[in-house]
């Protein structure tokens, strides 16, 4: 069972991701903002995947900075970025090595496929 940290400022989307994660048999940690995400990342508990919205409302492009910081704290952490914005080359250049992207809105099947790719 993997542990997935969901960083999403939209409550409905965050809770939907939690439900999808549980349906896949994994555990989730939820954060609605950068501060709570950093608390989870600094804690000693297991985190296998960071599922992060690229454009958190409080900070423009906050998801990229959070992923960079997360990799510094937890080398080897898998990162799945998400956004309602169309993926651009400029965005892809900001991904951490091995980072993947899931376009919103996503289906449960797309979510499952993305998680399988990251978790092997």
N, C-alpha and C. Protein backbone atom coordinates (compact mmCIF):
# COMPACT_ATOMS: atom_id res chain seq x y z
N UNK A 1 0.84 -1.18 0.00
CA UNK A 1 0.00 0.00 0.00
C UNK A 1 0.89 1.25 0.00
N UNK A 2 0.60 2.16 -0.91
CA UNK A 2 1.34 3.41 -1.00
C UNK A 2 0.63 4.50 -0.21
N UNK A 3 1.39 5.51 0.18
CA UNK A 3 0.84 6.69 0.84
C UNK A 3 1.00 7.86 -0.11
N UNK A 4 -0.10 8.53 -0.40
CA UNK A 4 -0.11 9.62 -1.37
C UNK A 4 -0.52 10.91 -0.68
N UNK A 5 0.36 11.91 -0.77
CA UNK A 5 0.06 13.23 -0.23
C UNK A 5 -0.61 14.05 -1.32
N UNK A 6 -1.85 14.43 -1.07
CA UNK A 6 -2.64 15.23 -2.01
C UNK A 6 -2.59 16.68 -1.57
N UNK A 7 -2.06 17.54 -2.44
CA UNK A 7 -2.01 18.98 -2.15
C UNK A 7 -2.88 19.67 -3.18
N UNK A 8 -4.06 20.05 -2.73
CA UNK A 8 -5.08 20.63 -3.62
C UNK A 8 -5.89 21.63 -2.81
N UNK A 9 -6.00 22.86 -3.29
CA UNK A 9 -6.72 23.88 -2.53
C UNK A 9 -8.24 23.85 -2.73
N UNK A 10 -8.72 23.13 -3.70
CA UNK A 10 -10.17 22.99 -3.91
C UNK A 10 -10.66 21.77 -3.13
N UNK A 11 -11.51 22.01 -2.13
CA UNK A 11 -11.95 20.95 -1.23
C UNK A 11 -12.58 19.77 -1.96
N UNK A 12 -13.50 20.02 -2.87
CA UNK A 12 -14.18 18.93 -3.58
C UNK A 12 -13.18 18.07 -4.34
N UNK A 13 -12.24 18.69 -5.01
CA UNK A 13 -11.24 17.94 -5.79
C UNK A 13 -10.33 17.14 -4.85
N UNK A 14 -9.97 17.75 -3.72
CA UNK A 14 -9.12 17.07 -2.74
C UNK A 14 -9.83 15.83 -2.19
N UNK A 15 -11.11 15.97 -1.85
CA UNK A 15 -11.86 14.83 -1.31
C UNK A 15 -12.11 13.76 -2.37
N UNK A 16 -12.29 14.18 -3.60
CA UNK A 16 -12.45 13.21 -4.70
C UNK A 16 -11.16 12.41 -4.88
N UNK A 17 -10.03 13.07 -4.83
CA UNK A 17 -8.75 12.36 -4.95
C UNK A 17 -8.58 11.38 -3.80
N UNK A 18 -8.96 11.79 -2.59
CA UNK A 18 -8.88 10.90 -1.44
C UNK A 18 -9.71 9.64 -1.68
N UNK A 19 -10.91 9.81 -2.20
CA UNK A 19 -11.79 8.67 -2.48
C UNK A 19 -11.17 7.74 -3.52
N UNK A 20 -10.63 8.31 -4.58
CA UNK A 20 -10.00 7.50 -5.63
C UNK A 20 -8.80 6.72 -5.09
N UNK A 21 -8.02 7.37 -4.24
CA UNK A 21 -6.85 6.72 -3.65
C UNK A 21 -7.28 5.53 -2.78
N UNK A 22 -8.30 5.74 -1.99
CA UNK A 22 -8.79 4.66 -1.13
C UNK A 22 -9.36 3.51 -1.95
N UNK A 23 -10.04 3.81 -3.06
CA UNK A 23 -10.57 2.76 -3.93
C UNK A 23 -9.45 1.92 -4.53
N UNK A 24 -8.28 2.51 -4.71
CA UNK A 24 -7.14 1.78 -5.24
C UNK A 24 -6.40 1.00 -4.15
N UNK A 25 -6.83 1.15 -2.90
CA UNK A 25 -6.21 0.42 -1.80
C UNK A 25 -5.02 1.11 -1.19
N UNK A 26 -4.88 2.40 -1.46
CA UNK A 26 -3.76 3.16 -0.91
C UNK A 26 -4.26 4.09 0.20
N UNK A 27 -3.33 4.69 0.91
CA UNK A 27 -3.66 5.65 1.96
C UNK A 27 -3.37 7.06 1.46
N UNK A 28 -4.10 8.02 2.01
CA UNK A 28 -3.89 9.39 1.58
C UNK A 28 -3.63 10.30 2.78
N UNK A 29 -2.87 11.34 2.51
CA UNK A 29 -2.69 12.45 3.42
C UNK A 29 -3.18 13.67 2.63
N UNK A 30 -3.91 14.56 3.29
CA UNK A 30 -4.49 15.69 2.57
C UNK A 30 -3.96 17.01 3.09
N UNK A 31 -3.71 17.92 2.14
CA UNK A 31 -3.29 19.27 2.48
C UNK A 31 -3.99 20.24 1.54
N UNK A 32 -4.58 21.28 2.13
CA UNK A 32 -5.28 22.27 1.32
C UNK A 32 -4.43 23.47 0.96
N UNK A 33 -3.19 23.47 1.48
CA UNK A 33 -2.30 24.60 1.18
C UNK A 33 -0.85 24.17 1.37
N UNK A 34 0.05 25.07 1.02
CA UNK A 34 1.48 24.76 1.10
C UNK A 34 1.94 24.51 2.53
N UNK A 35 1.44 25.30 3.48
CA UNK A 35 1.87 25.14 4.87
C UNK A 35 1.57 23.74 5.40
N UNK A 36 0.36 23.25 5.16
CA UNK A 36 0.01 21.91 5.62
C UNK A 36 0.77 20.83 4.88
N UNK A 37 1.04 21.06 3.60
CA UNK A 37 1.85 20.10 2.84
C UNK A 37 3.26 20.00 3.43
N UNK A 38 3.83 21.13 3.79
CA UNK A 38 5.18 21.12 4.36
C UNK A 38 5.21 20.42 5.72
N UNK A 39 4.15 20.53 6.49
CA UNK A 39 4.07 19.81 7.77
C UNK A 39 4.11 18.30 7.52
N UNK A 40 3.33 17.83 6.55
CA UNK A 40 3.35 16.40 6.22
C UNK A 40 4.72 15.96 5.72
N UNK A 41 5.32 16.76 4.86
CA UNK A 41 6.62 16.38 4.29
C UNK A 41 7.73 16.35 5.34
N UNK A 42 7.63 17.18 6.35
CA UNK A 42 8.65 17.21 7.41
C UNK A 42 8.46 16.11 8.44
N UNK A 43 7.28 15.53 8.50
CA UNK A 43 6.98 14.48 9.48
C UNK A 43 7.68 13.18 9.07
N UNK A 44 7.88 12.29 10.04
CA UNK A 44 8.62 11.06 9.74
C UNK A 44 7.79 9.96 9.06
N UNK A 45 6.52 10.19 8.78
CA UNK A 45 5.71 9.13 8.19
C UNK A 45 6.01 8.92 6.70
N UNK A 46 5.62 7.75 6.22
CA UNK A 46 5.84 7.34 4.83
C UNK A 46 5.02 8.22 3.88
N UNK A 47 5.65 8.65 2.79
CA UNK A 47 4.97 9.30 1.67
C UNK A 47 5.64 8.76 0.40
N UNK A 48 4.85 8.17 -0.48
CA UNK A 48 5.39 7.60 -1.71
C UNK A 48 5.18 8.48 -2.92
N UNK A 49 4.06 9.22 -2.93
CA UNK A 49 3.72 10.06 -4.08
C UNK A 49 3.21 11.41 -3.59
N UNK A 50 3.68 12.46 -4.24
CA UNK A 50 3.14 13.80 -4.05
C UNK A 50 2.23 14.08 -5.24
N UNK A 51 0.94 14.27 -4.98
CA UNK A 51 -0.05 14.60 -6.02
C UNK A 51 -0.39 16.07 -5.80
N UNK A 52 0.12 16.94 -6.65
CA UNK A 52 0.06 18.37 -6.37
C UNK A 52 -0.51 19.18 -7.52
N UNK A 53 -1.41 20.09 -7.17
CA UNK A 53 -1.96 21.04 -8.13
C UNK A 53 -0.86 22.06 -8.45
N UNK A 54 -0.62 22.28 -9.71
CA UNK A 54 0.42 23.22 -10.12
C UNK A 54 0.08 24.64 -9.68
N UNK A 55 -1.16 25.01 -9.84
CA UNK A 55 -1.58 26.39 -9.56
C UNK A 55 -2.45 26.45 -8.31
N UNK A 56 -1.79 26.49 -7.17
CA UNK A 56 -2.51 26.67 -5.92
C UNK A 56 -2.89 28.15 -5.83
N UNK A 57 -4.11 28.44 -5.40
CA UNK A 57 -4.61 29.82 -5.41
C UNK A 57 -3.75 30.78 -4.60
N UNK A 58 -3.23 30.35 -3.49
CA UNK A 58 -2.49 31.25 -2.62
C UNK A 58 -1.15 31.69 -3.22
N UNK A 59 -0.56 30.84 -4.04
CA UNK A 59 0.76 31.14 -4.59
C UNK A 59 0.78 30.72 -6.06
N UNK A 60 1.06 31.63 -6.97
CA UNK A 60 1.16 31.28 -8.38
C UNK A 60 2.29 30.27 -8.57
N UNK A 61 2.00 29.21 -9.28
CA UNK A 61 2.96 28.15 -9.56
C UNK A 61 3.51 27.49 -8.29
N UNK A 62 2.75 27.56 -7.20
CA UNK A 62 3.19 26.99 -5.93
C UNK A 62 3.47 25.51 -5.96
N UNK A 63 2.78 24.78 -6.82
CA UNK A 63 3.00 23.34 -6.90
C UNK A 63 4.39 22.97 -7.38
N UNK A 64 4.94 23.77 -8.27
CA UNK A 64 6.30 23.49 -8.73
C UNK A 64 7.31 23.68 -7.61
N UNK A 65 7.19 24.78 -6.88
CA UNK A 65 8.11 25.04 -5.78
C UNK A 65 7.98 23.98 -4.68
N UNK A 66 6.75 23.58 -4.42
CA UNK A 66 6.53 22.55 -3.40
C UNK A 66 7.18 21.24 -3.82
N UNK A 67 7.02 20.84 -5.07
CA UNK A 67 7.63 19.60 -5.55
C UNK A 67 9.15 19.66 -5.45
N UNK A 68 9.73 20.79 -5.82
CA UNK A 68 11.19 20.95 -5.71
C UNK A 68 11.64 20.78 -4.26
N UNK A 69 10.92 21.42 -3.35
CA UNK A 69 11.25 21.34 -1.93
C UNK A 69 11.05 19.90 -1.41
N UNK A 70 9.98 19.26 -1.85
CA UNK A 70 9.68 17.89 -1.40
C UNK A 70 10.78 16.93 -1.81
N UNK A 71 11.28 17.07 -3.02
CA UNK A 71 12.36 16.20 -3.49
C UNK A 71 13.63 16.42 -2.68
N UNK A 72 13.86 17.66 -2.26
CA UNK A 72 15.00 17.94 -1.39
C UNK A 72 14.88 17.25 -0.05
N UNK A 73 13.66 17.18 0.48
CA UNK A 73 13.43 16.53 1.77
C UNK A 73 13.36 15.01 1.64
N UNK A 74 12.83 14.55 0.53
CA UNK A 74 12.58 13.12 0.32
C UNK A 74 13.04 12.70 -1.08
N UNK A 75 14.33 12.55 -1.28
CA UNK A 75 14.83 12.14 -2.61
C UNK A 75 14.15 10.85 -3.06
N UNK A 76 13.78 10.80 -4.30
CA UNK A 76 13.14 9.61 -4.84
C UNK A 76 11.62 9.65 -4.75
N UNK A 77 11.06 10.68 -4.14
CA UNK A 77 9.61 10.82 -4.06
C UNK A 77 9.04 10.97 -5.46
N UNK A 78 7.99 10.21 -5.76
CA UNK A 78 7.32 10.32 -7.06
C UNK A 78 6.39 11.53 -7.01
N UNK A 79 6.30 12.26 -8.14
CA UNK A 79 5.47 13.45 -8.19
C UNK A 79 4.52 13.37 -9.37
N UNK A 80 3.24 13.56 -9.06
CA UNK A 80 2.20 13.65 -10.08
C UNK A 80 1.59 15.04 -10.00
N UNK A 81 1.85 15.84 -11.03
CA UNK A 81 1.30 17.20 -11.09
C UNK A 81 -0.08 17.14 -11.72
N UNK A 82 -0.93 18.09 -11.35
CA UNK A 82 -2.24 18.21 -11.97
C UNK A 82 -2.58 19.68 -12.15
N UNK A 83 -3.43 19.96 -13.14
CA UNK A 83 -3.86 21.33 -13.38
C UNK A 83 -5.04 21.32 -14.34
N UNK A 84 -5.86 22.33 -14.23
CA UNK A 84 -6.91 22.53 -15.20
C UNK A 84 -6.39 23.24 -16.44
N UNK A 85 -5.18 23.79 -16.34
CA UNK A 85 -4.54 24.45 -17.47
C UNK A 85 -3.94 23.41 -18.41
N UNK A 86 -3.88 23.74 -19.67
CA UNK A 86 -3.27 22.85 -20.65
C UNK A 86 -1.77 22.80 -20.41
N UNK A 87 -1.22 21.61 -20.49
CA UNK A 87 0.21 21.41 -20.29
C UNK A 87 1.00 22.08 -21.41
N UNK A 88 2.02 22.84 -21.03
CA UNK A 88 2.89 23.50 -22.00
C UNK A 88 4.32 23.01 -21.84
N UNK A 89 5.15 23.27 -22.83
CA UNK A 89 6.56 22.90 -22.73
C UNK A 89 7.22 23.61 -21.55
N UNK A 90 6.83 24.86 -21.32
CA UNK A 90 7.40 25.62 -20.21
C UNK A 90 7.07 24.97 -18.86
N UNK A 91 5.86 24.46 -18.75
CA UNK A 91 5.47 23.76 -17.52
C UNK A 91 6.28 22.47 -17.37
N UNK A 92 6.40 21.72 -18.44
CA UNK A 92 7.12 20.44 -18.40
C UNK A 92 8.57 20.65 -17.97
N UNK A 93 9.17 21.74 -18.36
CA UNK A 93 10.56 22.04 -17.97
C UNK A 93 10.70 22.22 -16.46
N UNK A 94 9.62 22.53 -15.78
CA UNK A 94 9.64 22.76 -14.33
C UNK A 94 9.44 21.47 -13.53
N UNK A 95 9.10 20.37 -14.21
CA UNK A 95 8.86 19.10 -13.50
C UNK A 95 10.14 18.59 -12.86
N UNK A 96 10.00 17.96 -11.70
CA UNK A 96 11.13 17.25 -11.11
C UNK A 96 11.40 16.02 -11.97
N UNK A 97 12.62 15.48 -11.93
CA UNK A 97 12.91 14.28 -12.73
C UNK A 97 11.90 13.17 -12.43
N UNK A 98 11.34 12.61 -13.49
CA UNK A 98 10.37 11.53 -13.36
C UNK A 98 8.95 12.01 -13.10
N UNK A 99 8.76 13.33 -12.96
CA UNK A 99 7.43 13.87 -12.70
C UNK A 99 6.48 13.61 -13.86
N UNK A 100 5.23 13.38 -13.53
CA UNK A 100 4.19 13.11 -14.52
C UNK A 100 3.09 14.16 -14.37
N UNK A 101 2.18 14.20 -15.37
CA UNK A 101 1.11 15.19 -15.38
C UNK A 101 -0.23 14.52 -15.63
N UNK A 102 -1.25 14.98 -14.91
CA UNK A 102 -2.62 14.50 -15.08
C UNK A 102 -3.52 15.71 -15.25
N UNK A 103 -4.12 15.83 -16.43
CA UNK A 103 -4.97 16.97 -16.77
C UNK A 103 -6.31 16.89 -16.04
N UNK A 104 -6.73 18.01 -15.44
CA UNK A 104 -8.08 18.11 -14.87
C UNK A 104 -9.04 18.50 -15.97
N UNK A 105 -10.26 18.07 -15.95
CA UNK A 105 -10.79 17.04 -15.06
C UNK A 105 -10.32 15.66 -15.52
N UNK A 106 -10.04 14.80 -14.60
CA UNK A 106 -9.57 13.46 -14.94
C UNK A 106 -10.60 12.43 -14.49
N UNK A 107 -10.62 11.32 -15.19
CA UNK A 107 -11.53 10.23 -14.84
C UNK A 107 -10.85 9.33 -13.80
N UNK A 108 -11.63 8.51 -13.11
CA UNK A 108 -11.02 7.55 -12.20
C UNK A 108 -10.02 6.63 -12.90
N UNK A 109 -10.31 6.28 -14.15
CA UNK A 109 -9.39 5.41 -14.90
C UNK A 109 -8.08 6.12 -15.22
N UNK A 110 -8.15 7.39 -15.56
CA UNK A 110 -6.93 8.16 -15.84
C UNK A 110 -6.10 8.31 -14.56
N UNK A 111 -6.78 8.54 -13.44
CA UNK A 111 -6.09 8.66 -12.16
C UNK A 111 -5.38 7.36 -11.82
N UNK A 112 -6.10 6.25 -11.96
CA UNK A 112 -5.53 4.94 -11.66
C UNK A 112 -4.32 4.65 -12.54
N UNK A 113 -4.43 4.93 -13.82
CA UNK A 113 -3.34 4.69 -14.75
C UNK A 113 -2.11 5.52 -14.38
N UNK A 114 -2.32 6.77 -14.03
CA UNK A 114 -1.20 7.64 -13.64
C UNK A 114 -0.52 7.12 -12.39
N UNK A 115 -1.30 6.69 -11.40
CA UNK A 115 -0.72 6.17 -10.17
C UNK A 115 0.05 4.86 -10.44
N UNK A 116 -0.50 4.01 -11.29
CA UNK A 116 0.20 2.77 -11.63
C UNK A 116 1.54 3.05 -12.29
N UNK A 117 1.58 4.04 -13.18
CA UNK A 117 2.84 4.42 -13.83
C UNK A 117 3.87 4.86 -12.80
N UNK A 118 3.45 5.67 -11.85
CA UNK A 118 4.38 6.18 -10.84
C UNK A 118 4.83 5.12 -9.84
N UNK A 119 3.91 4.25 -9.47
CA UNK A 119 4.22 3.27 -8.43
C UNK A 119 4.78 1.96 -9.00
N UNK A 120 4.69 1.79 -10.30
CA UNK A 120 5.22 0.58 -10.92
C UNK A 120 4.30 -0.55 -10.71
